[in-house]
Amino acid sequence: MIGLDVGGTKIAAVLLDDEDAVVTRSWGEHAARGIDALADELAVRASALLEETDASPTGLGVSVSGLVARDGRVTSGASLEIVGDLAGAVRDRLSLPTTVVNDGEATLRSVLAAHRARTGDDITDAVLLTLGTGVGGAIVSAGRPLRGRTGLATELGHLPVRAPSAQRCVCGSSGCLEQFAGGRGMAERAQLLVREGRASSALVDLAQASPAALTSRDVVEAARTGDPSALQLVDEAAAAVADAIRSLCVTIEPDIVFLGGTIAHAAADLLPDRIRAHIAQRWSFADLTTPPPVQLDTIGPYAAAVGAALLAKSPDLDSDILIAPEGTTHHD
């Protein structure tokens, strides 16, 4: 089985054997835009993998960052400009059954595979929240990935966690999780504190002459030194994530919540414990159940590619395919 993970500028590719172990893999840049150009590029990458082996794959999975509907059509292709039937275009070029999935969904499949290999736990209900520049994620419920009619069902960064305000989210709404826990949102909130003269010294010093130069990494580093404003921003992010998780718990009741993304890993010593504390403070139905474990993922740079291949093999969780991908180490 072949798995291809497409980002804005890179394509990660893997070939799995019948036991779902990685046989060979590749990583390279691309500049393809539009379905036809990207399908051409993906066909080249897949063919290059096959030239290294005598394998005869039975299918191919493609992971993309856009919204993917239940029928596999891309409904929002973001910067790749791939709205439409990408799977059909790739299938026409390679004559292989092709499945297109969201990259969060693919990553969660790999995370669950690694978790099962490490612990032996069969997880059928799980959430992945990726805290990066924005906030993404994925949900598996009763062993099935959730997508929704247009793929909007797991755009977890746009869960409403706060009252609407004048500060608009990139989605057009406000009060979204991404505005508080995403790197862009944290940076914008830090910049606003500096501009309004409400920031403590470390953030002011980091901003120097330009508040716009402040980044989420600056916020995390300042928080690590004990700067009050930075700690407030980190705690607000943790509280927002906790509220999102509480909402998800009374919606799908996950067995476990994984945290991924550059912000989650950069603030690994700050965020997870705060998130758990905020969940515990306002946990629903405390006499009936306990909060799910919240832990950092162990994904690597090829996780979404491996997950795409596994999802192409079986769209639902199955114990036979939950094999840990090779070399699962963190990658920003």
C-alpha atoms as a PDB file:
ATOM      1  CA  MET A   1       0.000   0.000   0.000  1.00  0.00           C
ATOM      2  CA  ILE A   2       1.273   3.505  -0.891  1.00  0.00           C
ATOM      3  CA  GLY A   3       0.749   6.572   1.287  1.00  0.00           C
ATOM      4  CA  LEU A   4       1.347  10.157   0.158  1.00  0.00           C
ATOM      5  CA  ASP A   5       1.090  13.205   2.439  1.00  0.00           C
ATOM      6  CA  VAL A   6       0.800  16.521   0.615  1.00  0.00           C
ATOM      7  CA  GLY A   7       1.612  19.812   2.293  1.00  0.00           C
ATOM      8  CA  GLY A   8       1.839  23.271   0.783  1.00  0.00           C
ATOM      9  CA  THR A   9       5.454  22.701  -0.261  1.00  0.00           C
ATOM     10  CA  LYS A  10       6.326  19.058   0.506  1.00  0.00           C
ATOM     11  CA  ILE A  11       5.242  15.524  -0.311  1.00  0.00           C
ATOM     12  CA  ALA A  12       6.089  12.666   2.045  1.00  0.00           C
ATOM     13  CA  ALA A  13       5.712   9.226   0.499  1.00  0.00           C
ATOM     14  CA  VAL A  14       5.816   5.703   1.969  1.00  0.00           C
ATOM     15  CA  LEU A  15       5.399   2.188   0.687  1.00  0.00           C
ATOM     16  CA  LEU A  16       4.053  -0.340   3.192  1.00  0.00           C
ATOM     17  CA  ASP A  17       4.377  -4.108   2.936  1.00  0.00           C
ATOM     18  CA  ASP A  18       1.635  -6.623   3.710  1.00  0.00           C
ATOM     19  CA  GLU A  19       2.442  -6.323   7.429  1.00  0.00           C
ATOM     20  CA  ASP A  20       2.161  -2.522   7.234  1.00  0.00           C
ATOM     21  CA  ALA A  21       5.858  -1.980   7.862  1.00  0.00           C
ATOM     22  CA  VAL A  22       7.555   0.839   5.929  1.00  0.00           C
ATOM     23  CA  VAL A  23       9.517  -0.654   3.031  1.00  0.00           C
ATOM     24  CA  THR A  24      10.788   2.600   1.559  1.00  0.00           C
ATOM     25  CA  ARG A  25      10.022   6.285   1.855  1.00  0.00           C
ATOM     26  CA  SER A  26      10.873   9.656   0.334  1.00  0.00           C
ATOM     27  CA  TRP A  27      10.519  13.328   1.144  1.00  0.00           C
ATOM     28  CA  GLY A  28      10.696  16.197  -1.317  1.00  0.00           C
ATOM     29  CA  GLU A  29       9.486  19.672  -2.147  1.00  0.00           C
ATOM     30  CA  HIS A  30       6.832  20.486  -4.700  1.00  0.00           C
ATOM     31  CA  ALA A  31       5.114  23.547  -6.131  1.00  0.00           C
ATOM     32  CA  ALA A  32       2.095  21.896  -7.784  1.00  0.00           C
ATOM     33  CA  ARG A  33      -1.224  23.727  -7.759  1.00  0.00           C
ATOM     34  CA  GLY A  34      -4.521  22.455  -9.097  1.00  0.00           C
ATOM     35  CA  ILE A  35      -5.827  18.903  -9.348  1.00  0.00           C
ATOM     36  CA  ASP A  36      -4.133  17.959 -12.618  1.00  0.00           C
ATOM     37  CA  ALA A  37      -0.700  19.312 -11.686  1.00  0.00           C
ATOM     38  CA  LEU A  38      -0.811  17.741  -8.240  1.00  0.00           C
ATOM     39  CA  ALA A  39      -2.049  14.399  -9.589  1.00  0.00           C
ATOM     40  CA  ASP A  40       0.879  14.396 -12.038  1.00  0.00           C
ATOM     41  CA  GLU A  41       3.301  15.097  -9.186  1.00  0.00           C
ATOM     42  CA  LEU A  42       1.803  12.396  -6.968  1.00  0.00           C
ATOM     43  CA  ALA A  43       1.998   9.853  -9.775  1.00  0.00           C
ATOM     44  CA  VAL A  44       5.693  10.636 -10.207  1.00  0.00           C
ATOM     45  CA  ARG A  45       6.384  10.241  -6.472  1.00  0.00           C
ATOM     46  CA  ALA A  46       4.465   6.973  -6.246  1.00  0.00           C
ATOM     47  CA  SER A  47       6.178   5.564  -9.331  1.00  0.00           C
ATOM     48  CA  ALA A  48       9.581   6.490  -7.918  1.00  0.00           C
ATOM     49  CA  LEU A  49       8.837   4.464  -4.781  1.00  0.00           C
ATOM     50  CA  LEU A  50       7.815   1.445  -6.815  1.00  0.00           C
ATOM     51  CA  GLU A  51      11.004   1.598  -8.882  1.00  0.00           C
ATOM     52  CA  GLU A  52      12.973   0.868  -5.703  1.00  0.00           C
ATOM     53  CA  THR A  53      11.143  -2.416  -5.041  1.00  0.00           C
ATOM     54  CA  ASP A  54       9.341  -5.234  -6.794  1.00  0.00           C
ATOM     55  CA  ALA A  55       6.159  -4.535  -4.810  1.00  0.00           C
ATOM     56  CA  SER A  56       2.706  -4.601  -6.364  1.00  0.00           C
ATOM     57  CA  PRO A  57       0.580  -2.309  -4.168  1.00  0.00           C
ATOM     58  CA  THR A  58      -3.155  -2.825  -4.058  1.00  0.00           C
ATOM     59  CA  GLY A  59      -4.047   0.797  -3.421  1.00  0.00           C
ATOM     60  CA  LEU A  60      -2.950   4.292  -2.559  1.00  0.00           C
ATOM     61  CA  GLY A  61      -3.906   6.825   0.111  1.00  0.00           C
ATOM     62  CA  VAL A  62      -3.386  10.578  -0.189  1.00  0.00           C
ATOM     63  CA  SER A  63      -3.396  12.925   2.800  1.00  0.00           C
ATOM     64  CA  VAL A  64      -4.184  16.615   2.195  1.00  0.00           C
ATOM     65  CA  SER A  65      -4.675  19.631   4.443  1.00  0.00           C
ATOM     66  CA  GLY A  66      -8.035  20.633   2.958  1.00  0.00           C
ATOM     67  CA  LEU A  67     -11.565  19.559   3.821  1.00  0.00           C
ATOM     68  CA  VAL A  68     -12.504  16.123   2.507  1.00  0.00           C
ATOM     69  CA  ALA A  69     -16.150  15.059   2.305  1.00  0.00           C
ATOM     70  CA  ARG A  70     -17.515  11.591   3.022  1.00  0.00           C
ATOM     71  CA  ASP A  71     -17.347  10.694  -0.660  1.00  0.00           C
ATOM     72  CA  GLY A  72     -13.633  11.543  -0.822  1.00  0.00           C
ATOM     73  CA  ARG A  73     -14.003  14.755  -2.792  1.00  0.00           C
ATOM     74  CA  VAL A  74     -11.962  17.729  -1.616  1.00  0.00           C
ATOM     75  CA  THR A  75     -14.370  20.548  -0.737  1.00  0.00           C
ATOM     76  CA  SER A  76     -11.754  23.093   0.357  1.00  0.00           C
ATOM     77  CA  GLY A  77      -8.250  22.728  -0.997  1.00  0.00           C
ATOM     78  CA  ALA A  78      -6.653  25.675   0.808  1.00  0.00           C
ATOM     79  CA  SER A  79      -3.450  26.805  -0.926  1.00  0.00           C
ATOM     80  CA  LEU A  80      -3.251  23.686  -3.109  1.00  0.00           C
ATOM     81  CA  GLU A  81      -6.275  24.718  -5.218  1.00  0.00           C
ATOM     82  CA  ILE A  82      -7.515  21.113  -5.407  1.00  0.00           C
ATOM     83  CA  VAL A  83     -11.277  21.346  -4.896  1.00  0.00           C
ATOM     84  CA  GLY A  84     -12.835  18.384  -6.664  1.00  0.00           C
ATOM     85  CA  ASP A  85     -12.057  14.738  -7.398  1.00  0.00           C
ATOM     86  CA  LEU A  86      -8.330  14.459  -6.682  1.00  0.00           C
ATOM     87  CA  ALA A  87      -8.703  10.736  -6.011  1.00  0.00           C
ATOM     88  CA  GLY A  88     -10.111  10.154  -9.482  1.00  0.00           C
ATOM     89  CA  ALA A  89      -7.306  12.134 -11.116  1.00  0.00           C
ATOM     90  CA  VAL A  90      -4.620  10.115  -9.301  1.00  0.00           C
ATOM     91  CA  ARG A  91      -6.428   6.854 -10.022  1.00  0.00           C
ATOM     92  CA  ASP A  92      -6.505   7.664 -13.738  1.00  0.00           C
ATOM     93  CA  ARG A  93      -2.729   8.112 -13.773  1.00  0.00           C
ATOM     94  CA  LEU A  94      -1.724   5.072 -11.710  1.00  0.00           C
ATOM     95  CA  SER A  95      -4.613   2.639 -12.280  1.00  0.00           C
ATOM     96  CA  LEU A  96      -4.744   2.019  -8.527  1.00  0.00           C
ATOM     97  CA  PRO A  97      -7.701   2.368  -6.154  1.00  0.00           C
ATOM     98  CA  THR A  98      -7.120   5.758  -4.515  1.00  0.00           C
ATOM     99  CA  THR A  99      -8.438   7.255  -1.279  1.00  0.00           C
ATOM    100  CA  VAL A 100      -8.062  10.934  -0.308  1.00  0.00           C
ATOM    101  CA  VAL A 101      -8.273  11.867   3.380  1.00  0.00           C
ATOM    102  CA  ASN A 102      -7.672  14.878   5.596  1.00  0.00           C
ATOM    103  CA  ASP A 103      -4.154  15.029   7.046  1.00  0.00           C
ATOM    104  CA  GLY A 104      -5.466  15.215  10.618  1.00  0.00           C
ATOM    105  CA  GLU A 105      -7.468  12.042  10.066  1.00  0.00           C
ATOM    106  CA  ALA A 106      -4.412  10.316   8.604  1.00  0.00           C
ATOM    107  CA  THR A 107      -2.210  11.469  11.460  1.00  0.00           C
ATOM    108  CA  LEU A 108      -4.662  10.215  14.087  1.00  0.00           C
ATOM    109  CA  ARG A 109      -4.611   6.772  12.466  1.00  0.00           C
ATOM    110  CA  SER A 110      -0.805   6.691  12.832  1.00  0.00           C
ATOM    111  CA  VAL A 111      -0.967   8.026  16.387  1.00  0.00           C
ATOM    112  CA  LEU A 112      -3.422   5.272  17.334  1.00  0.00           C
ATOM    113  CA  ALA A 113      -1.188   2.682  15.652  1.00  0.00           C
ATOM    114  CA  ALA A 114       1.826   3.834  17.654  1.00  0.00           C
ATOM    115  CA  HIS A 115      -0.227   3.962  20.854  1.00  0.00           C
ATOM    116  CA  ARG A 116      -1.485   0.413  20.407  1.00  0.00           C
ATOM    117  CA  ALA A 117       2.012  -0.891  19.624  1.00  0.00           C
ATOM    118  CA  ARG A 118       3.344   0.786  22.773  1.00  0.00           C
ATOM    119  CA  THR A 119       0.528  -0.021  25.215  1.00  0.00           C
ATOM    120  CA  GLY A 120      -1.533  -2.808  23.711  1.00  0.00           C
ATOM    121  CA  ASP A 121      -4.695  -0.687  24.078  1.00  0.00           C
ATOM    122  CA  ASP A 122      -7.346  -0.950  21.364  1.00  0.00           C
ATOM    123  CA  ILE A 123      -8.735   2.584  21.160  1.00  0.00           C
ATOM    124  CA  THR A 124     -11.936   3.059  19.160  1.00  0.00           C
ATOM    125  CA  ASP A 125     -12.884   6.558  20.354  1.00  0.00           C
ATOM    126  CA  ALA A 126     -10.187   9.231  20.236  1.00  0.00           C
ATOM    127  CA  VAL A 127      -9.477  12.873  19.478  1.00  0.00           C
ATOM    128  CA  LEU A 128      -6.361  14.499  18.062  1.00  0.00           C
ATOM    129  CA  LEU A 129      -5.879  18.247  18.543  1.00  0.00           C
ATOM    130  CA  THR A 130      -2.958  19.731  16.635  1.00  0.00           C
ATOM    131  CA  LEU A 131      -1.823  23.065  18.042  1.00  0.00           C
ATOM    132  CA  GLY A 132       0.316  24.635  15.359  1.00  0.00           C
ATOM    133  CA  THR A 133       0.039  27.926  13.490  1.00  0.00           C
ATOM    134  CA  GLY A 134      -3.656  27.149  13.528  1.00  0.00           C
ATOM    135  CA  VAL A 135      -5.517  24.367  15.293  1.00  0.00           C
ATOM    136  CA  GLY A 136      -6.539  21.220  13.492  1.00  0.00           C
ATOM    137  CA  GLY A 137      -7.470  17.736  14.490  1.00  0.00           C
ATOM    138  CA  ALA A 138      -9.407  14.582  13.896  1.00  0.00           C
ATOM    139  CA  ILE A 139     -11.944  12.334  15.598  1.00  0.00           C
ATOM    140  CA  VAL A 140     -12.475   8.590  15.579  1.00  0.00           C
ATOM    141  CA  SER A 141     -15.787   7.475  17.083  1.00  0.00           C
ATOM    142  CA  ALA A 142     -16.726   3.809  17.474  1.00  0.00           C
ATOM    143  CA  GLY A 143     -13.787   2.982  15.231  1.00  0.00           C
ATOM    144  CA  ARG A 144     -14.895   5.262  12.409  1.00  0.00           C
ATOM    145  CA  PRO A 145     -13.290   8.561  11.398  1.00  0.00           C
ATOM    146  CA  LEU A 146     -15.744  11.456  11.428  1.00  0.00           C
ATOM    147  CA  ARG A 147     -15.849  13.780   8.424  1.00  0.00           C
ATOM    148  CA  GLY A 148     -19.309  15.225   7.941  1.00  0.00           C
ATOM    149  CA  ARG A 149     -21.016  16.041   4.683  1.00  0.00           C
ATOM    150  CA  THR A 150     -18.351  18.490   3.481  1.00  0.00           C
ATOM    151  CA  GLY A 151     -15.474  17.520   5.773  1.00  0.00           C
ATOM    152  CA  LEU A 152     -16.156  20.358   8.204  1.00  0.00           C
ATOM    153  CA  ALA A 153     -16.931  17.983  11.086  1.00  0.00           C
ATOM    154  CA  THR A 154     -13.379  17.836  12.417  1.00  0.00           C
ATOM    155  CA  GLU A 155     -12.236  21.425  11.904  1.00  0.00           C
ATOM    156  CA  LEU A 156     -11.655  21.469  15.652  1.00  0.00           C
ATOM    157  CA  GLY A 157      -9.821  24.786  15.637  1.00  0.00           C
ATOM    158  CA  HIS A 158     -13.153  26.450  14.994  1.00  0.00           C
ATOM    159  CA  LEU A 159     -15.007  25.015  17.934  1.00  0.00           C
ATOM    160  CA  PRO A 160     -16.544  28.015  19.740  1.00  0.00           C
ATOM    161  CA  VAL A 161     -14.933  28.230  23.178  1.00  0.00           C
ATOM    162  CA  ARG A 162     -15.455  31.906  24.037  1.00  0.00           C
ATOM    163  CA  ALA A 163     -18.107  34.576  23.537  1.00  0.00           C
ATOM    164  CA  PRO A 164     -18.067  36.363  20.172  1.00  0.00           C
ATOM    165  CA  SER A 165     -15.912  39.471  20.018  1.00  0.00           C
ATOM    166  CA  ALA A 166     -14.625  42.063  17.572  1.00  0.00           C
ATOM    167  CA  GLN A 167     -11.529  39.911  16.972  1.00  0.00           C
ATOM    168  CA  ARG A 168     -12.382  37.812  13.934  1.00  0.00           C
ATOM    169  CA  CYS A 169     -11.029  34.339  13.275  1.00  0.00           C
ATOM    170  CA  VAL A 170      -9.727  33.357   9.835  1.00  0.00           C
ATOM    171  CA  CYS A 171     -12.918  31.311   9.402  1.00  0.00           C
ATOM    172  CA  GLY A 172     -15.002  34.504   9.632  1.00  0.00           C
ATOM    173  CA  SER A 173     -16.418  33.833  13.081  1.00  0.00           C
ATOM    174  CA  SER A 174     -14.989  34.705  16.502  1.00  0.00           C
ATOM    175  CA  GLY A 175     -14.407  33.031  19.850  1.00  0.00           C
ATOM    176  CA  CYS A 176     -12.827  30.022  18.106  1.00  0.00           C
ATOM    177  CA  LEU A 177     -10.328  27.717  19.801  1.00  0.00           C
ATOM    178  CA  GLU A 178      -7.721  28.636  17.182  1.00  0.00           C
ATOM    179  CA  GLN A 179      -7.761  32.276  18.308  1.00  0.00           C
ATOM    180  CA  PHE A 180      -6.543  31.241  21.761  1.00  0.00           C
ATOM    181  CA  ALA A 181      -4.534  28.047  21.306  1.00  0.00           C
ATOM    182  CA  GLY A 182      -3.101  28.415  17.794  1.00  0.00           C
ATOM    183  CA  GLY A 183       0.306  29.965  17.264  1.00  0.00           C
ATOM    184  CA  ARG A 184      -1.103  32.779  15.159  1.00  0.00           C
ATOM    185  CA  GLY A 185      -3.778  33.556  17.740  1.00  0.00           C
ATOM    186  CA  MET A 186      -1.355  33.511  20.682  1.00  0.00           C
ATOM    187  CA  ALA A 187       1.000  35.844  18.854  1.00  0.00           C
ATOM    188  CA  GLU A 188      -1.807  38.253  17.951  1.00  0.00           C
ATOM    189  CA  ARG A 189      -3.006  38.347  21.548  1.00  0.00           C
ATOM    190  CA  ALA A 190       0.535  39.027  22.777  1.00  0.00           C
ATOM    191  CA  GLN A 191       0.962  41.802  20.222  1.00  0.00           C
ATOM    192  CA  LEU A 192      -2.299  43.387  21.373  1.00  0.00           C
ATOM    193  CA  LEU A 193      -1.136  43.369  25.007  1.00  0.00           C
ATOM    194  CA  VAL A 194       2.062  45.178  24.027  1.00  0.00           C
ATOM    195  CA  ARG A 195       0.303  47.737  21.840  1.00  0.00           C
ATOM    196  CA  GLU A 196      -2.175  48.527  24.621  1.00  0.00           C
ATOM    197  CA  GLY A 197       0.577  48.835  27.236  1.00  0.00           C
ATOM    198  CA  ARG A 198      -0.728  45.879  29.275  1.00  0.00           C
ATOM    199  CA  ALA A 199       2.170  43.468  28.733  1.00  0.00           C
ATOM    200  CA  SER A 200       4.760  42.621  31.368  1.00  0.00           C
ATOM    201  CA  SER A 201       8.457  43.249  30.871  1.00  0.00           C
ATOM    202  CA  ALA A 202       9.596  40.088  29.113  1.00  0.00           C
ATOM    203  CA  LEU A 203       7.059  40.425  26.296  1.00  0.00           C
ATOM    204  CA  VAL A 204       7.816  44.136  25.959  1.00  0.00           C
ATOM    205  CA  ASP A 205      11.541  43.382  25.694  1.00  0.00           C
ATOM    206  CA  LEU A 206      10.959  40.660  23.129  1.00  0.00           C
ATOM    207  CA  ALA A 207       8.747  42.952  21.076  1.00  0.00           C
ATOM    208  CA  GLN A 208      11.495  45.604  20.966  1.00  0.00           C
ATOM    209  CA  ALA A 209      10.377  48.339  18.591  1.00  0.00           C
ATOM    210  CA  SER A 210       7.762  46.243  16.786  1.00  0.00           C
ATOM    211  CA  PRO A 211       4.967  44.353  18.555  1.00  0.00           C
ATOM    212  CA  ALA A 212       4.233  42.630  15.241  1.00  0.00           C
ATOM    213  CA  ALA A 213       7.558  40.804  15.596  1.00  0.00           C
ATOM    214  CA  LEU A 214       6.274  38.804  18.590  1.00  0.00           C
ATOM    215  CA  THR A 215       5.686  35.124  17.882  1.00  0.00           C
ATOM    216  CA  SER A 216       4.035  32.284  19.771  1.00  0.00           C
ATOM    217  CA  ARG A 217       7.486  30.850  20.448  1.00  0.00           C
ATOM    218  CA  ASP A 218       8.377  34.134  22.143  1.00  0.00           C
ATOM    219  CA  VAL A 219       5.276  33.763  24.319  1.00  0.00           C
ATOM    220  CA  VAL A 220       6.233  30.204  25.309  1.00  0.00           C
ATOM    221  CA  GLU A 221       9.819  31.179  26.113  1.00  0.00           C
ATOM    222  CA  ALA A 222       8.700  34.177  28.164  1.00  0.00           C
ATOM    223  CA  ALA A 223       6.216  32.000  30.038  1.00  0.00           C
ATOM    224  CA  ARG A 224       8.996  29.563  30.831  1.00  0.00           C
ATOM    225  CA  THR A 225      10.884  32.389  32.565  1.00  0.00           C
ATOM    226  CA  GLY A 226       7.803  33.225  34.641  1.00  0.00           C
ATOM    227  CA  ASP A 227       6.665  36.359  32.778  1.00  0.00           C
ATOM    228  CA  PRO A 228       3.103  37.074  34.043  1.00  0.00           C
ATOM    229  CA  SER A 229       1.612  38.168  30.719  1.00  0.00           C
ATOM    230  CA  ALA A 230       3.065  35.218  28.848  1.00  0.00           C
ATOM    231  CA  LEU A 231       1.889  32.803  31.535  1.00  0.00           C
ATOM    232  CA  GLN A 232      -1.584  34.327  31.280  1.00  0.00           C
ATOM    233  CA  LEU A 233      -1.627  33.726  27.528  1.00  0.00           C
ATOM    234  CA  VAL A 234      -0.478  30.121  27.950  1.00  0.00           C
ATOM    235  CA  ASP A 235      -3.100  29.547  30.640  1.00  0.00           C
ATOM    236  CA  GLU A 236      -5.805  31.079  28.427  1.00  0.00           C
ATOM    237  CA  ALA A 237      -4.739  28.685  25.668  1.00  0.00           C
ATOM    238  CA  ALA A 238      -4.893  25.742  28.081  1.00  0.00           C
ATOM    239  CA  ALA A 239      -8.329  26.778  29.340  1.00  0.00           C
ATOM    240  CA  ALA A 240      -9.638  27.102  25.788  1.00  0.00           C
ATOM    241  CA  VAL A 241      -8.324  23.652  24.867  1.00  0.00           C
ATOM    242  CA  ALA A 242      -9.833  22.232  28.061  1.00  0.00           C
ATOM    243  CA  ASP A 243     -13.240  23.698  27.223  1.00  0.00           C
ATOM    244  CA  ALA A 244     -13.033  22.244  23.717  1.00  0.00           C
ATOM    245  CA  ILE A 245     -12.182  18.828  25.164  1.00  0.00           C
ATOM    246  CA  ARG A 246     -15.053  19.041  27.655  1.00  0.00           C
ATOM    247  CA  SER A 247     -17.432  19.757  24.769  1.00  0.00           C
ATOM    248  CA  LEU A 248     -16.047  16.814  22.814  1.00  0.00           C
ATOM    249  CA  CYS A 249     -16.379  14.553  25.831  1.00  0.00           C
ATOM    250  CA  VAL A 250     -20.141  15.122  26.060  1.00  0.00           C
ATOM    251  CA  THR A 251     -20.397  14.722  22.276  1.00  0.00           C
ATOM    252  CA  ILE A 252     -18.410  11.589  21.464  1.00  0.00           C
ATOM    253  CA  GLU A 253     -16.876  10.581  24.845  1.00  0.00           C
ATOM    254  CA  PRO A 254     -13.315   9.809  23.656  1.00  0.00           C
ATOM    255  CA  ASP A 255     -11.164   7.272  25.481  1.00  0.00           C
ATOM    256  CA  ILE A 256      -8.100   9.458  24.995  1.00  0.00           C
ATOM    257  CA  VAL A 257      -7.130  12.895  23.662  1.00  0.00           C
ATOM    258  CA  PHE A 258      -3.819  13.374  21.868  1.00  0.00           C
ATOM    259  CA  LEU A 259      -2.109  16.748  21.564  1.00  0.00           C
ATOM    260  CA  GLY A 260       0.146  17.412  18.579  1.00  0.00           C
ATOM    261  CA  GLY A 261       1.607  20.284  16.612  1.00  0.00           C
ATOM    262  CA  THR A 262       4.521  22.629  17.075  1.00  0.00           C
ATOM    263  CA  ILE A 263       2.938  24.659  19.889  1.00  0.00           C
ATOM    264  CA  ALA A 264       1.960  21.609  21.926  1.00  0.00           C
ATOM    265  CA  HIS A 265       5.450  20.164  21.692  1.00  0.00           C
ATOM    266  CA  ALA A 266       7.263  23.477  22.207  1.00  0.00           C
ATOM    267  CA  ALA A 267       5.213  24.038  25.385  1.00  0.00           C
ATOM    268  CA  ALA A 268       5.236  20.393  26.513  1.00  0.00           C
ATOM    269  CA  ASP A 269       6.314  21.443  30.013  1.00  0.00           C
ATOM    270  CA  LEU A 270       3.584  24.098  30.269  1.00  0.00           C
ATOM    271  CA  LEU A 271       0.421  23.185  28.388  1.00  0.00           C
ATOM    272  CA  PRO A 272      -0.622  19.562  29.066  1.00  0.00           C
ATOM    273  CA  ASP A 273      -0.674  19.848  32.874  1.00  0.00           C
ATOM    274  CA  ARG A 274      -2.616  23.116  32.683  1.00  0.00           C
ATOM    275  CA  ILE A 275      -5.104  21.593  30.254  1.00  0.00           C
ATOM    276  CA  ARG A 276      -5.675  18.631  32.565  1.00  0.00           C
ATOM    277  CA  ALA A 277      -6.134  20.956  35.553  1.00  0.00           C
ATOM    278  CA  HIS A 278      -8.713  23.091  33.751  1.00  0.00           C
ATOM    279  CA  ILE A 279     -10.630  19.986  32.646  1.00  0.00           C
ATOM    280  CA  ALA A 280     -10.691  18.668  36.206  1.00  0.00           C
ATOM    281  CA  GLN A 281     -11.932  21.969  37.618  1.00  0.00           C
ATOM    282  CA  ARG A 282     -15.156  21.852  35.615  1.00  0.00           C
ATOM    283  CA  TRP A 283     -15.588  18.206  34.728  1.00  0.00           C
ATOM    284  CA  SER A 284     -19.142  17.166  33.880  1.00  0.00           C
ATOM    285  CA  PHE A 285     -20.780  14.134  35.466  1.00  0.00           C
ATOM    286  CA  ALA A 286     -17.960  13.664  37.968  1.00  0.00           C
ATOM    287  CA  ASP A 287     -19.977  11.027  39.846  1.00  0.00           C
ATOM    288  CA  LEU A 288     -20.301   8.954  36.658  1.00  0.00           C
ATOM    289  CA  THR A 289     -16.991   9.128  34.847  1.00  0.00           C
ATOM    290  CA  THR A 290     -13.485  10.618  34.850  1.00  0.00           C
ATOM    291  CA  PRO A 291     -11.756  12.826  32.266  1.00  0.00           C
ATOM    292  CA  PRO A 292      -9.924  11.036  29.445  1.00  0.00           C
ATOM    293  CA  PRO A 293      -6.110  10.979  29.453  1.00  0.00           C
ATOM    294  CA  VAL A 294      -4.615  13.961  27.625  1.00  0.00           C
ATOM    295  CA  GLN A 295      -1.149  13.277  26.269  1.00  0.00           C
ATOM    296  CA  LEU A 296       1.315  14.397  23.640  1.00  0.00           C
ATOM    297  CA  ASP A 297       1.479  12.370  20.460  1.00  0.00           C
ATOM    298  CA  THR A 298       4.568  10.538  19.232  1.00  0.00           C
ATOM    299  CA  ILE A 299       4.163  11.298  15.549  1.00  0.00           C
ATOM    300  CA  GLY A 300       7.004  11.640  13.086  1.00  0.00           C
ATOM    301  CA  PRO A 301       7.371  13.311   9.699  1.00  0.00           C
ATOM    302  CA  TYR A 302       5.866  10.352   7.826  1.00  0.00           C
ATOM    303  CA  ALA A 303       2.918   9.774  10.158  1.00  0.00           C
ATOM    304  CA  ALA A 304       0.252  11.240   7.860  1.00  0.00           C
ATOM    305  CA  ALA A 305       1.621   9.336   4.861  1.00  0.00           C
ATOM    306  CA  VAL A 306       1.520   6.062   6.819  1.00  0.00           C
ATOM    307  CA  GLY A 307      -1.949   6.915   8.101  1.00  0.00           C
ATOM    308  CA  ALA A 308      -3.176   7.641   4.578  1.00  0.00           C
ATOM    309  CA  ALA A 309      -1.981   4.222   3.447  1.00  0.00           C
ATOM    310  CA  LEU A 310      -3.684   2.519   6.420  1.00  0.00           C
ATOM    311  CA  LEU A 311      -6.922   4.396   5.780  1.00  0.00           C
ATOM    312  CA  ALA A 312      -6.822   3.389   2.128  1.00  0.00           C
ATOM    313  CA  LYS A 313      -6.501  -0.218   3.266  1.00  0.00           C
ATOM    314  CA  SER A 314      -9.384   0.093   5.744  1.00  0.00           C
ATOM    315  CA  PRO A 315     -11.407   3.236   6.526  1.00  0.00           C
ATOM    316  CA  ASP A 316     -12.368   1.884   9.953  1.00  0.00           C
ATOM    317  CA  LEU A 317     -10.178   0.774  12.836  1.00  0.00           C
ATOM    318  CA  ASP A 318      -9.224  -2.879  12.674  1.00  0.00           C
ATOM    319  CA  SER A 319      -6.801  -4.657  14.968  1.00  0.00           C
ATOM    320  CA  ASP A 320      -5.027  -6.233  12.010  1.00  0.00           C
ATOM    321  CA  ILE A 321      -3.835  -2.907  10.637  1.00  0.00           C
ATOM    322  CA  LEU A 322      -2.905  -1.034  13.795  1.00  0.00           C
ATOM    323  CA  ILE A 323       0.833  -1.546  13.376  1.00  0.00           C
ATOM    324  CA  ALA A 324       3.191   1.190  14.556  1.00  0.00           C
ATOM    325  CA  PRO A 325       4.836   3.080  11.683  1.00  0.00           C
ATOM    326  CA  GLU A 326       8.614   2.877  11.544  1.00  0.00           C
ATOM    327  CA  GLY A 327      10.571   5.702  13.128  1.00  0.00           C
ATOM    328  CA  THR A 328       7.764   7.582  14.859  1.00  0.00           C
ATOM    329  CA  THR A 329       9.555  10.583  16.318  1.00  0.00           C
ATOM    330  CA  HIS A 330       8.317  14.128  16.705  1.00  0.00           C
ATOM    331  CA  HIS A 331       8.504  16.431  13.730  1.00  0.00           C
ATOM    332  CA  ASP A 332       7.418  20.081  13.685  1.00  0.00           C
END
